[in-house]
Amino acid sequence: MKKAAMFIAFKGFRDEEYAEPKRIMEKSGVKVETISTSKGKAVGKIKITADVDKTLEEINPDDYEILALVGGPGALAELDNEKVRKIFSDFYFKSKPIAAICISPVILAHAGLLKGKKATVWPDGKDELVKNGAIYTGNPIEIDSGIITANGPLAAKEYGEAILKLISK
């Protein structure tokens, strides 16, 4: 069984960007584990909660086919740090796919993973992507060299479908 890890802020992840891709993957038989900074019930920006399966300290990235970041107001505050950047960098340099939606592509940019690659992000993050060498497109979704980026809640369904397609190859 294929497995995906979805990284969310413990407080303030974007509901649709978590729920829709998770639903799409699980419907196709992918086991989705929720990763965050603390155990318990993470709280979305709007109304949903999510049970956290593992913390950043507990995750073994080698157990997954893909690592995916969810956006929302808490994403940069909680997940834009050396630990998360290292997890995603190490994983990507093993030729495994990664994904980020909304503002969270900024985390990949800060890790140096978007340099020279086409990418998109929530409009507030455009300058950070460009400053860190990404080729910003402004499209709802981009896939370049095993990295999926999407620009926000309206792209959540397409983001989930792109993740599924990438790990089904």
Protein backbone atom coordinates (compact mmCIF):
# COMPACT_ATOMS: atom_id res chain seq x y z
CA MET A 1 0.00 0.00 0.00
CA LYS A 2 1.30 3.42 -0.96
CA LYS A 3 1.67 5.99 1.81
CA ALA A 4 1.65 9.78 1.81
CA ALA A 5 2.59 12.17 4.61
CA MET A 6 0.67 15.43 4.84
CA PHE A 7 2.34 18.09 6.97
CA ILE A 8 -0.05 20.55 8.62
CA ALA A 9 0.21 23.39 11.12
CA PHE A 10 -1.17 22.30 14.50
CA LYS A 11 -3.16 25.51 14.56
CA GLY A 12 -4.35 27.22 11.39
CA PHE A 13 -3.94 24.77 8.51
CA ARG A 14 -6.18 25.43 5.50
CA ASP A 15 -9.14 23.03 5.70
CA GLU A 16 -9.72 22.36 1.98
CA GLU A 17 -6.02 21.99 1.20
CA TYR A 18 -5.84 19.16 3.72
CA ALA A 19 -9.25 17.48 3.42
CA GLU A 20 -9.66 17.38 -0.38
CA PRO A 21 -6.24 15.89 -1.32
CA LYS A 22 -6.51 13.45 1.60
CA ARG A 23 -9.96 12.32 0.41
CA ILE A 24 -8.71 11.87 -3.16
CA MET A 25 -5.71 9.80 -2.09
CA GLU A 26 -7.61 7.64 0.41
CA LYS A 27 -10.37 6.96 -2.13
CA SER A 28 -7.65 5.47 -4.37
CA GLY A 29 -6.21 3.30 -1.61
CA VAL A 30 -3.31 5.52 -0.48
CA LYS A 31 -2.73 5.56 3.28
CA VAL A 32 -2.40 9.20 4.36
CA GLU A 33 -0.69 10.05 7.63
CA THR A 34 -1.00 13.50 9.17
CA ILE A 35 2.23 15.04 10.47
CA SER A 36 2.46 18.14 12.69
CA THR A 37 4.44 19.78 15.46
CA SER A 38 2.32 18.25 18.25
CA LYS A 39 0.13 15.20 18.85
CA GLY A 40 -3.61 15.55 19.33
CA LYS A 41 -6.27 17.35 17.30
CA ALA A 42 -4.93 19.98 14.94
CA VAL A 43 -7.33 22.85 14.24
CA GLY A 44 -8.03 24.17 10.75
CA LYS A 45 -8.49 27.82 9.83
CA ILE A 46 -12.21 27.45 9.17
CA LYS A 47 -13.75 24.59 11.15
CA ILE A 48 -12.29 21.10 10.73
CA THR A 49 -9.93 19.28 13.02
CA ALA A 50 -7.42 16.59 12.11
CA ASP A 51 -5.96 13.82 14.23
CA VAL A 52 -2.17 14.03 14.10
CA ASP A 53 -0.60 10.62 13.47
CA LYS A 54 3.03 11.59 14.03
CA THR A 55 5.12 14.56 15.08
CA LEU A 56 8.12 15.88 13.15
CA GLU A 57 10.35 13.95 15.56
CA GLU A 58 8.52 10.65 15.00
CA ILE A 59 8.37 10.60 11.20
CA ASN A 60 10.52 8.28 9.11
CA PRO A 61 10.31 9.81 5.61
CA ASP A 62 11.46 6.55 4.00
CA ASP A 63 8.04 5.09 4.88
CA TYR A 64 6.31 7.32 2.30
CA GLU A 65 6.00 7.73 -1.46
CA ILE A 66 5.45 11.50 -1.15
CA LEU A 67 5.68 14.30 1.40
CA ALA A 68 3.12 17.11 1.05
CA LEU A 69 2.80 20.46 2.79
CA VAL A 70 -0.58 22.05 3.48
CA GLY A 71 -0.94 25.83 3.61
CA GLY A 72 -2.95 28.14 5.79
CA PRO A 73 -2.15 30.94 8.24
CA GLY A 74 -0.16 28.66 10.56
CA ALA A 75 2.00 27.01 7.89
CA LEU A 76 4.98 29.36 7.83
CA ALA A 77 4.93 30.03 11.58
CA GLU A 78 5.00 26.33 12.47
CA LEU A 79 6.60 24.54 9.52
CA ASP A 80 9.10 26.95 7.95
CA ASN A 81 12.07 25.75 9.98
CA GLU A 82 15.32 23.81 9.56
CA LYS A 83 13.79 20.49 10.67
CA VAL A 84 11.03 20.54 8.03
CA ARG A 85 13.34 21.90 5.34
CA LYS A 86 15.85 19.09 6.03
CA ILE A 87 13.14 16.40 5.96
CA PHE A 88 11.91 17.64 2.55
CA SER A 89 15.43 18.18 1.13
CA ASP A 90 16.71 14.76 2.15
CA PHE A 91 13.57 13.12 0.76
CA TYR A 92 13.74 15.00 -2.54
CA PHE A 93 17.43 14.23 -3.02
CA LYS A 94 16.52 10.53 -2.86
CA SER A 95 14.55 11.21 -6.08
CA LYS A 96 11.20 11.07 -4.27
CA PRO A 97 8.40 13.58 -5.04
CA ILE A 98 7.34 16.44 -2.79
CA ALA A 99 4.38 18.81 -2.86
CA ALA A 100 3.29 22.12 -1.35
CA ILE A 101 0.13 24.20 -1.63
CA CYS A 102 -0.91 27.79 -0.83
CA ILE A 103 1.80 29.63 1.11
CA SER A 104 3.79 26.45 1.88
CA PRO A 105 5.86 26.47 -1.36
CA VAL A 106 7.77 29.25 0.45
CA ILE A 107 9.11 26.51 2.75
CA LEU A 108 10.45 24.59 -0.26
CA ALA A 109 11.94 27.83 -1.63
CA HIS A 110 13.69 28.50 1.70
CA ALA A 111 15.09 24.95 1.51
CA GLY A 112 16.58 25.78 -1.91
CA LEU A 113 14.43 23.19 -3.63
CA LEU A 114 12.71 25.50 -6.13
CA LYS A 115 15.82 27.14 -7.59
CA GLY A 116 15.45 27.11 -11.40
CA LYS A 117 12.10 25.31 -11.24
CA LYS A 118 8.65 26.45 -12.32
CA ALA A 119 6.51 26.97 -9.24
CA THR A 120 3.41 28.71 -7.98
CA VAL A 121 2.28 29.94 -4.59
CA TRP A 122 -0.42 32.01 -2.85
CA PRO A 123 0.19 35.58 -4.12
CA ASP A 124 1.68 36.70 -0.76
CA GLY A 125 4.57 34.26 -1.27
CA LYS A 126 5.54 35.25 -4.82
CA ASP A 127 8.46 37.49 -3.78
CA GLU A 128 9.97 34.78 -1.55
CA LEU A 129 9.86 32.24 -4.39
CA VAL A 130 11.47 34.64 -6.86
CA LYS A 131 14.08 35.77 -4.31
CA ASN A 132 15.04 32.11 -3.79
CA GLY A 133 15.44 31.37 -7.52
CA ALA A 134 12.09 29.86 -8.47
CA ILE A 135 10.47 30.60 -11.82
CA TYR A 136 7.12 31.91 -10.58
CA THR A 137 4.24 31.21 -13.00
CA GLY A 138 1.11 32.25 -11.11
CA ASN A 139 -0.71 29.19 -12.45
CA PRO A 140 -3.05 27.25 -10.15
CA ILE A 141 -0.66 24.29 -10.18
CA GLU A 142 2.84 23.50 -11.41
CA ILE A 143 4.74 20.22 -11.64
CA ASP A 144 8.47 20.43 -12.28
CA SER A 145 11.10 17.77 -11.65
CA GLY A 146 9.03 15.83 -9.12
CA ILE A 147 7.85 18.91 -7.24
CA ILE A 148 4.17 19.86 -7.19
CA THR A 149 3.21 23.38 -6.15
CA ALA A 150 -0.32 24.79 -6.03
CA ASN A 151 -1.56 28.27 -5.25
CA GLY A 152 -4.39 27.81 -2.77
CA PRO A 153 -7.75 26.35 -1.78
CA LEU A 154 -9.27 26.54 -5.25
CA ALA A 155 -6.48 24.27 -6.52
CA ALA A 156 -6.90 21.69 -3.72
CA LYS A 157 -8.69 19.11 -5.89
CA GLU A 158 -6.16 19.43 -8.72
CA TYR A 159 -3.35 19.28 -6.13
CA GLY A 160 -4.69 16.01 -4.73
CA GLU A 161 -5.09 14.55 -8.22
CA ALA A 162 -1.53 15.59 -9.17
CA ILE A 163 -0.13 13.94 -6.03
CA LEU A 164 -2.03 10.76 -6.79
CA LYS A 165 -0.87 10.72 -10.41
CA LEU A 166 2.76 11.30 -9.42
CA ILE A 167 2.87 8.46 -6.88
CA SER A 168 0.90 6.07 -9.12
CA LYS A 169 3.62 6.08 -11.81
